[in-house]
Amino acid sequence: MEKEIKILMLEDMEEDAGLIDEVLQAEKIVFSRVRVDTREEFTDALKKFRPDVVLSDHSLPSFNSIEALKICHENGLNLPFILVTGTVSEEFAVNCLKRGADDYVLKSNLTRLPMAIRYALRRRRHVKGRKKYCAGRISSLPRLTRSWIPLFTVYRIICVHPFIPY
């Protein structure tokens, strides 16, 4: 049984939010969600709801996905951010991915959303596990070795772990 996923949905249309809910329920994803459509509601929900993933429409009347992604980064939140929008150019989608979004899904192809959410959550868990593993390996190095200049090289070598994908 899957753990309940807490979804923060930045969406101004309740109908679109309902369609997303239906797609996730059809794929047996257990979730709770909060829908917001302003900057203030978004920042409050990040603090109070503490989501596992953010699903963001791009164009809202007073806010957009780029600003929302920036808020997540400024607050040091390491959570999956998936753009779910009507139509965007390929250039815009690539720009969002470069800025740190995990994926983008067009509203005309919502069947891809459950897979995108699962993949983004799995990827974040692996990255967190890799960081924890590497931190433990670094702390186990002799004190003298940790102060050497070539530490970066040593760090890169010891952080290769056969069970954690890159």
C-alpha atoms as a PDB file:
ATOM      1  CA  MET A   1       0.000   0.000   0.000  1.00  0.00           C
ATOM      2  CA  GLU A   2       1.364   3.390  -1.010  1.00  0.00           C
ATOM      3  CA  LYS A   3       1.903   6.164   1.494  1.00  0.00           C
ATOM      4  CA  GLU A   4      -0.470   9.110   1.086  1.00  0.00           C
ATOM      5  CA  ILE A   5       1.095  11.785  -1.092  1.00  0.00           C
ATOM      6  CA  LYS A   6       0.485  15.396  -0.085  1.00  0.00           C
ATOM      7  CA  ILE A   7      -0.010  17.442  -3.238  1.00  0.00           C
ATOM      8  CA  LEU A   8       0.078  21.225  -3.386  1.00  0.00           C
ATOM      9  CA  MET A   9      -1.742  22.215  -6.556  1.00  0.00           C
ATOM     10  CA  LEU A  10      -1.205  25.684  -7.970  1.00  0.00           C
ATOM     11  CA  GLU A  11      -4.260  25.875 -10.220  1.00  0.00           C
ATOM     12  CA  ASP A  12      -6.879  28.573 -10.786  1.00  0.00           C
ATOM     13  CA  MET A  13      -9.518  26.325 -12.386  1.00  0.00           C
ATOM     14  CA  GLU A  14     -11.339  23.920 -10.055  1.00  0.00           C
ATOM     15  CA  GLU A  15     -12.499  21.927 -13.099  1.00  0.00           C
ATOM     16  CA  ASP A  16      -8.892  21.260 -14.129  1.00  0.00           C
ATOM     17  CA  ALA A  17      -8.024  20.310 -10.546  1.00  0.00           C
ATOM     18  CA  GLY A  18     -10.928  17.852 -10.631  1.00  0.00           C
ATOM     19  CA  LEU A  19      -9.615  16.279 -13.839  1.00  0.00           C
ATOM     20  CA  ILE A  20      -6.196  15.844 -12.232  1.00  0.00           C
ATOM     21  CA  ASP A  21      -7.846  14.240  -9.193  1.00  0.00           C
ATOM     22  CA  GLU A  22      -9.704  11.784 -11.434  1.00  0.00           C
ATOM     23  CA  VAL A  23      -6.536  10.746 -13.273  1.00  0.00           C
ATOM     24  CA  LEU A  24      -4.644  10.171 -10.014  1.00  0.00           C
ATOM     25  CA  GLN A  25      -7.532   8.222  -8.460  1.00  0.00           C
ATOM     26  CA  ALA A  26      -7.822   6.048 -11.590  1.00  0.00           C
ATOM     27  CA  GLU A  27      -4.153   5.089 -11.102  1.00  0.00           C
ATOM     28  CA  LYS A  28      -4.815   4.215  -7.438  1.00  0.00           C
ATOM     29  CA  ILE A  29      -2.620   7.003  -6.100  1.00  0.00           C
ATOM     30  CA  VAL A  30      -3.525   7.775  -2.492  1.00  0.00           C
ATOM     31  CA  PHE A  31      -3.287  11.526  -2.004  1.00  0.00           C
ATOM     32  CA  SER A  32      -4.565  14.599  -0.269  1.00  0.00           C
ATOM     33  CA  ARG A  33      -4.339  17.949  -1.950  1.00  0.00           C
ATOM     34  CA  VAL A  34      -4.623  21.636  -1.351  1.00  0.00           C
ATOM     35  CA  ARG A  35      -5.447  23.881  -4.299  1.00  0.00           C
ATOM     36  CA  VAL A  36      -4.210  27.470  -4.278  1.00  0.00           C
ATOM     37  CA  ASP A  37      -4.054  30.208  -6.891  1.00  0.00           C
ATOM     38  CA  THR A  38      -2.239  33.163  -5.319  1.00  0.00           C
ATOM     39  CA  ARG A  39       1.291  33.786  -4.115  1.00  0.00           C
ATOM     40  CA  GLU A  40       0.145  34.263  -0.504  1.00  0.00           C
ATOM     41  CA  GLU A  41      -1.873  31.040  -0.453  1.00  0.00           C
ATOM     42  CA  PHE A  42       1.038  29.194  -2.060  1.00  0.00           C
ATOM     43  CA  THR A  43       3.625  30.327   0.504  1.00  0.00           C
ATOM     44  CA  ASP A  44       1.207  29.625   3.382  1.00  0.00           C
ATOM     45  CA  ALA A  45       0.461  26.139   2.062  1.00  0.00           C
ATOM     46  CA  LEU A  46       4.177  25.357   1.710  1.00  0.00           C
ATOM     47  CA  LYS A  47       4.627  26.096   5.408  1.00  0.00           C
ATOM     48  CA  LYS A  48       1.392  24.670   6.839  1.00  0.00           C
ATOM     49  CA  PHE A  49       0.496  21.785   4.508  1.00  0.00           C
ATOM     50  CA  ARG A  50       4.127  20.685   3.921  1.00  0.00           C
ATOM     51  CA  PRO A  51       3.526  18.981   0.561  1.00  0.00           C
ATOM     52  CA  ASP A  52       5.443  16.056  -0.920  1.00  0.00           C
ATOM     53  CA  VAL A  53       5.015  17.396  -4.455  1.00  0.00           C
ATOM     54  CA  VAL A  54       3.924  20.600  -6.203  1.00  0.00           C
ATOM     55  CA  LEU A  55       1.778  20.500  -9.338  1.00  0.00           C
ATOM     56  CA  SER A  56       1.709  23.911 -10.971  1.00  0.00           C
ATOM     57  CA  ASP A  57      -0.247  25.444 -13.803  1.00  0.00           C
ATOM     58  CA  HIS A  58       1.826  28.088 -15.518  1.00  0.00           C
ATOM     59  CA  SER A  59      -0.563  30.930 -16.198  1.00  0.00           C
ATOM     60  CA  LEU A  60      -2.578  32.239 -13.301  1.00  0.00           C
ATOM     61  CA  PRO A  61      -4.119  35.708 -13.073  1.00  0.00           C
ATOM     62  CA  SER A  62      -1.625  37.055 -10.510  1.00  0.00           C
ATOM     63  CA  PHE A  63       1.085  34.403 -10.261  1.00  0.00           C
ATOM     64  CA  ASN A  64       2.961  31.874 -12.399  1.00  0.00           C
ATOM     65  CA  SER A  65       4.931  28.650 -12.173  1.00  0.00           C
ATOM     66  CA  ILE A  66       8.358  30.284 -12.555  1.00  0.00           C
ATOM     67  CA  GLU A  67       7.692  32.467  -9.505  1.00  0.00           C
ATOM     68  CA  ALA A  68       6.384  29.455  -7.570  1.00  0.00           C
ATOM     69  CA  LEU A  69       9.487  27.429  -8.419  1.00  0.00           C
ATOM     70  CA  LYS A  70      11.665  30.338  -7.322  1.00  0.00           C
ATOM     71  CA  ILE A  71       9.835  30.489  -3.954  1.00  0.00           C
ATOM     72  CA  CYS A  72      10.469  26.779  -3.427  1.00  0.00           C
ATOM     73  CA  HIS A  73      14.191  27.225  -4.112  1.00  0.00           C
ATOM     74  CA  GLU A  74      14.470  30.352  -1.947  1.00  0.00           C
ATOM     75  CA  ASN A  75      12.922  28.456   0.978  1.00  0.00           C
ATOM     76  CA  GLY A  76      15.347  25.564   0.519  1.00  0.00           C
ATOM     77  CA  LEU A  77      12.560  23.102  -0.222  1.00  0.00           C
ATOM     78  CA  ASN A  78      13.756  19.997  -1.986  1.00  0.00           C
ATOM     79  CA  LEU A  79      10.451  18.707  -3.283  1.00  0.00           C
ATOM     80  CA  PRO A  80       9.347  17.645  -6.747  1.00  0.00           C
ATOM     81  CA  PHE A  81       7.875  20.429  -8.854  1.00  0.00           C
ATOM     82  CA  ILE A  82       5.865  19.359 -11.888  1.00  0.00           C
ATOM     83  CA  LEU A  83       4.446  21.820 -14.373  1.00  0.00           C
ATOM     84  CA  VAL A  84       0.907  20.821 -15.437  1.00  0.00           C
ATOM     85  CA  THR A  85      -0.294  23.251 -18.050  1.00  0.00           C
ATOM     86  CA  GLY A  86      -2.380  23.721 -21.184  1.00  0.00           C
ATOM     87  CA  THR A  87       0.004  24.570 -23.967  1.00  0.00           C
ATOM     88  CA  VAL A  88       3.599  25.634 -23.662  1.00  0.00           C
ATOM     89  CA  SER A  89       6.347  25.867 -26.201  1.00  0.00           C
ATOM     90  CA  GLU A  90       9.128  23.329 -26.103  1.00  0.00           C
ATOM     91  CA  GLU A  91      11.538  26.176 -25.371  1.00  0.00           C
ATOM     92  CA  PHE A  92       9.519  27.252 -22.325  1.00  0.00           C
ATOM     93  CA  ALA A  93       9.324  23.672 -21.023  1.00  0.00           C
ATOM     94  CA  VAL A  94      13.092  23.242 -21.354  1.00  0.00           C
ATOM     95  CA  ASN A  95      13.600  26.570 -19.575  1.00  0.00           C
ATOM     96  CA  CYS A  96      11.452  25.342 -16.659  1.00  0.00           C
ATOM     97  CA  LEU A  97      13.432  22.107 -16.432  1.00  0.00           C
ATOM     98  CA  LYS A  98      16.697  24.073 -16.406  1.00  0.00           C
ATOM     99  CA  ARG A  99      15.358  26.189 -13.542  1.00  0.00           C
ATOM    100  CA  GLY A 100      14.721  23.054 -11.485  1.00  0.00           C
ATOM    101  CA  ALA A 101      11.283  21.736 -12.398  1.00  0.00           C
ATOM    102  CA  ASP A 102      11.223  17.946 -12.376  1.00  0.00           C
ATOM    103  CA  ASP A 103       8.871  17.454 -15.301  1.00  0.00           C
ATOM    104  CA  TYR A 104       6.057  19.004 -17.282  1.00  0.00           C
ATOM    105  CA  VAL A 105       2.801  17.397 -18.328  1.00  0.00           C
ATOM    106  CA  LEU A 106       0.343  18.869 -20.774  1.00  0.00           C
ATOM    107  CA  LYS A 107      -3.283  18.943 -19.637  1.00  0.00           C
ATOM    108  CA  SER A 108      -4.165  17.265 -22.927  1.00  0.00           C
ATOM    109  CA  ASN A 109      -2.050  14.255 -21.830  1.00  0.00           C
ATOM    110  CA  LEU A 110      -2.800  13.899 -18.103  1.00  0.00           C
ATOM    111  CA  THR A 111      -2.450  10.109 -18.254  1.00  0.00           C
ATOM    112  CA  ARG A 112       1.311  10.700 -17.983  1.00  0.00           C
ATOM    113  CA  LEU A 113       0.947  12.587 -14.675  1.00  0.00           C
ATOM    114  CA  PRO A 114       0.862   9.631 -12.232  1.00  0.00           C
ATOM    115  CA  MET A 115       4.072   8.232 -13.719  1.00  0.00           C
ATOM    116  CA  ALA A 116       5.709  11.677 -13.581  1.00  0.00           C
ATOM    117  CA  ILE A 117       4.789  12.063  -9.883  1.00  0.00           C
ATOM    118  CA  ARG A 118       6.044   8.591  -8.943  1.00  0.00           C
ATOM    119  CA  TYR A 119       9.285   9.078 -10.847  1.00  0.00           C
ATOM    120  CA  ALA A 120       9.952  12.525  -9.358  1.00  0.00           C
ATOM    121  CA  LEU A 121       9.324  11.269  -5.802  1.00  0.00           C
ATOM    122  CA  ARG A 122      11.543   8.204  -6.368  1.00  0.00           C
ATOM    123  CA  ARG A 123      14.313  10.371  -7.824  1.00  0.00           C
ATOM    124  CA  ARG A 124      14.235  12.735  -4.832  1.00  0.00           C
ATOM    125  CA  ARG A 125      14.438   9.780  -2.422  1.00  0.00           C
ATOM    126  CA  HIS A 126      17.472   8.418  -4.277  1.00  0.00           C
ATOM    127  CA  VAL A 127      19.212  11.789  -4.259  1.00  0.00           C
ATOM    128  CA  LYS A 128      18.541  12.153  -0.527  1.00  0.00           C
ATOM    129  CA  GLY A 129      19.857   8.626   0.084  1.00  0.00           C
ATOM    130  CA  ARG A 130      22.973   9.304  -1.986  1.00  0.00           C
ATOM    131  CA  LYS A 131      23.693  12.515  -0.060  1.00  0.00           C
ATOM    132  CA  LYS A 132      23.273  10.706   3.250  1.00  0.00           C
ATOM    133  CA  TYR A 133      25.534   7.858   2.087  1.00  0.00           C
ATOM    134  CA  CYS A 134      28.218  10.265   0.871  1.00  0.00           C
ATOM    135  CA  ALA A 135      28.065  12.347   4.048  1.00  0.00           C
ATOM    136  CA  GLY A 136      28.647   9.206   6.081  1.00  0.00           C
ATOM    137  CA  ARG A 137      31.569   8.184   3.892  1.00  0.00           C
ATOM    138  CA  ILE A 138      33.183  11.625   4.135  1.00  0.00           C
ATOM    139  CA  SER A 139      32.868  11.679   7.924  1.00  0.00           C
ATOM    140  CA  SER A 140      34.582   8.280   8.086  1.00  0.00           C
ATOM    141  CA  LEU A 141      37.702   9.519   6.281  1.00  0.00           C
ATOM    142  CA  PRO A 142      40.716  10.175   8.486  1.00  0.00           C
ATOM    143  CA  ARG A 143      40.858  13.748   9.739  1.00  0.00           C
ATOM    144  CA  LEU A 144      44.013  14.530   7.777  1.00  0.00           C
ATOM    145  CA  THR A 145      42.577  13.286   4.486  1.00  0.00           C
ATOM    146  CA  ARG A 146      39.531  15.531   4.822  1.00  0.00           C
ATOM    147  CA  SER A 147      41.741  18.625   4.940  1.00  0.00           C
ATOM    148  CA  TRP A 148      43.630  17.895   1.739  1.00  0.00           C
ATOM    149  CA  ILE A 149      43.029  19.911  -1.397  1.00  0.00           C
ATOM    150  CA  PRO A 150      42.150  16.862  -3.556  1.00  0.00           C
ATOM    151  CA  LEU A 151      39.151  16.152  -1.309  1.00  0.00           C
ATOM    152  CA  PHE A 152      36.772  16.725  -4.213  1.00  0.00           C
ATOM    153  CA  THR A 153      38.409  13.877  -6.133  1.00  0.00           C
ATOM    154  CA  VAL A 154      38.235  11.576  -3.111  1.00  0.00           C
ATOM    155  CA  TYR A 155      34.623  12.575  -2.514  1.00  0.00           C
ATOM    156  CA  ARG A 156      33.629  11.786  -6.108  1.00  0.00           C
ATOM    157  CA  ILE A 157      35.308   8.367  -5.950  1.00  0.00           C
ATOM    158  CA  ILE A 158      33.829   7.199  -2.650  1.00  0.00           C
ATOM    159  CA  CYS A 159      30.338   8.344  -3.538  1.00  0.00           C
ATOM    160  CA  VAL A 160      29.972   5.783  -6.298  1.00  0.00           C
ATOM    161  CA  HIS A 161      27.462   3.346  -4.872  1.00  0.00           C
ATOM    162  CA  PRO A 162      26.202   0.417  -6.972  1.00  0.00           C
ATOM    163  CA  PHE A 163      22.634   0.622  -5.637  1.00  0.00           C
ATOM    164  CA  ILE A 164      22.035   4.341  -5.966  1.00  0.00           C
ATOM    165  CA  PRO A 165      21.470   5.439  -9.592  1.00  0.00           C
ATOM    166  CA  TYR A 166      22.918   8.647 -10.962  1.00  0.00           C
END
